[in-house]
Amino acid sequence: MDQSVPPIRFNPNVSNELVLVSVTARRDALFQGIDRFLIDIYEHIDSSEARVANMRFETLVHSCPTNEL
């Protein structure tokens, strides 16, 4: 679904196996989770651990300029 209100729909009277989720709500939840994780991890580590975390993070994140797609 796209931009559903409410963003998650489940009705066990229809099906116990069917859950409808808004694509935009799922995207927003993913990015909110990433933001919270990064804030939490950097609040609870010392400066030497932060350097290691930064190096690991840089290996995980890759960018691709849109003009190259």
C-alpha atoms as a PDB file:
ATOM      1  CA  MET A   1       0.000   0.000   0.000  1.00  0.00           C
ATOM      2  CA  ASP A   2       1.036   3.581  -0.400  1.00  0.00           C
ATOM      3  CA  GLN A   3       0.288   6.284   2.172  1.00  0.00           C
ATOM      4  CA  SER A   4      -2.445   4.322   3.910  1.00  0.00           C
ATOM      5  CA  VAL A   5      -4.219   5.646   6.985  1.00  0.00           C
ATOM      6  CA  PRO A   6      -3.669   3.828   9.266  1.00  0.00           C
ATOM      7  CA  PRO A   7      -0.251   2.776   7.938  1.00  0.00           C
ATOM      8  CA  ILE A   8      -0.678  -0.842   9.103  1.00  0.00           C
ATOM      9  CA  ARG A   9      -3.845  -2.812   8.532  1.00  0.00           C
ATOM     10  CA  PHE A  10      -4.587  -6.210  10.007  1.00  0.00           C
ATOM     11  CA  ASN A  11      -7.965  -7.867  10.357  1.00  0.00           C
ATOM     12  CA  PRO A  12      -7.921 -11.412  11.764  1.00  0.00           C
ATOM     13  CA  ASN A  13     -11.536 -11.835  10.614  1.00  0.00           C
ATOM     14  CA  VAL A  14     -10.272 -11.533   7.033  1.00  0.00           C
ATOM     15  CA  SER A  15      -6.994 -13.471   7.415  1.00  0.00           C
ATOM     16  CA  ASN A  16      -4.479 -14.276  10.157  1.00  0.00           C
ATOM     17  CA  GLU A  17      -1.735 -14.298   7.527  1.00  0.00           C
ATOM     18  CA  LEU A  18      -2.392 -10.970   5.810  1.00  0.00           C
ATOM     19  CA  VAL A  19      -0.916  -7.676   7.036  1.00  0.00           C
ATOM     20  CA  LEU A  20      -0.952  -4.579   4.829  1.00  0.00           C
ATOM     21  CA  VAL A  21       1.816  -2.048   5.426  1.00  0.00           C
ATOM     22  CA  SER A  22       2.250   1.379   3.883  1.00  0.00           C
ATOM     23  CA  VAL A  23       5.468   1.556   1.875  1.00  0.00           C
ATOM     24  CA  THR A  24       6.119   5.112   3.023  1.00  0.00           C
ATOM     25  CA  ALA A  25       5.499   4.188   6.678  1.00  0.00           C
ATOM     26  CA  ARG A  26       7.895   1.246   6.363  1.00  0.00           C
ATOM     27  CA  ARG A  27      10.558   3.497   4.808  1.00  0.00           C
ATOM     28  CA  ASP A  28      10.099   6.119   7.537  1.00  0.00           C
ATOM     29  CA  ALA A  29      10.344   3.470  10.280  1.00  0.00           C
ATOM     30  CA  LEU A  30      13.549   2.070   8.769  1.00  0.00           C
ATOM     31  CA  PHE A  31      15.258   5.468   8.670  1.00  0.00           C
ATOM     32  CA  GLN A  32      14.039   6.386  12.171  1.00  0.00           C
ATOM     33  CA  GLY A  33      15.500   3.118  13.448  1.00  0.00           C
ATOM     34  CA  ILE A  34      18.840   3.802  11.763  1.00  0.00           C
ATOM     35  CA  ASP A  35      18.918   7.322  13.219  1.00  0.00           C
ATOM     36  CA  ARG A  36      18.137   6.079  16.734  1.00  0.00           C
ATOM     37  CA  PHE A  37      20.711   3.285  16.475  1.00  0.00           C
ATOM     38  CA  LEU A  38      23.483   5.667  15.422  1.00  0.00           C
ATOM     39  CA  ILE A  39      22.651   8.168  18.165  1.00  0.00           C
ATOM     40  CA  ASP A  40      22.509   5.412  20.804  1.00  0.00           C
ATOM     41  CA  ILE A  41      25.767   3.786  19.750  1.00  0.00           C
ATOM     42  CA  TYR A  42      27.717   7.045  19.777  1.00  0.00           C
ATOM     43  CA  GLU A  43      26.281   8.092  23.166  1.00  0.00           C
ATOM     44  CA  HIS A  44      27.550   4.917  24.836  1.00  0.00           C
ATOM     45  CA  ILE A  45      31.096   4.569  23.524  1.00  0.00           C
ATOM     46  CA  ASP A  46      34.362   6.309  24.350  1.00  0.00           C
ATOM     47  CA  SER A  47      36.507   8.177  21.825  1.00  0.00           C
ATOM     48  CA  SER A  48      38.671   5.168  20.836  1.00  0.00           C
ATOM     49  CA  GLU A  49      35.567   3.060  20.226  1.00  0.00           C
ATOM     50  CA  ALA A  50      34.062   5.936  18.246  1.00  0.00           C
ATOM     51  CA  ARG A  51      37.069   5.904  15.897  1.00  0.00           C
ATOM     52  CA  VAL A  52      36.605   2.170  15.289  1.00  0.00           C
ATOM     53  CA  ALA A  53      32.855   2.639  14.793  1.00  0.00           C
ATOM     54  CA  ASN A  54      33.515   5.437  12.283  1.00  0.00           C
ATOM     55  CA  MET A  55      35.907   3.236  10.304  1.00  0.00           C
ATOM     56  CA  ARG A  56      33.380   0.392  10.239  1.00  0.00           C
ATOM     57  CA  PHE A  57      30.584   2.744   9.272  1.00  0.00           C
ATOM     58  CA  GLU A  58      32.616   4.144   6.376  1.00  0.00           C
ATOM     59  CA  THR A  59      33.075   0.626   4.973  1.00  0.00           C
ATOM     60  CA  LEU A  60      29.329  -0.016   5.129  1.00  0.00           C
ATOM     61  CA  VAL A  61      28.154   3.181   3.479  1.00  0.00           C
ATOM     62  CA  HIS A  62      28.635   3.562  -0.252  1.00  0.00           C
ATOM     63  CA  SER A  63      27.378   6.361  -2.427  1.00  0.00           C
ATOM     64  CA  CYS A  64      26.582   6.436  -6.091  1.00  0.00           C
ATOM     65  CA  PRO A  65      26.077   9.812  -7.758  1.00  0.00           C
ATOM     66  CA  THR A  66      22.745   9.912  -9.524  1.00  0.00           C
ATOM     67  CA  ASN A  67      24.346  11.027 -12.770  1.00  0.00           C
ATOM     68  CA  GLU A  68      26.090   7.631 -12.941  1.00  0.00           C
ATOM     69  CA  LEU A  69      22.870   5.596 -12.815  1.00  0.00           C
END
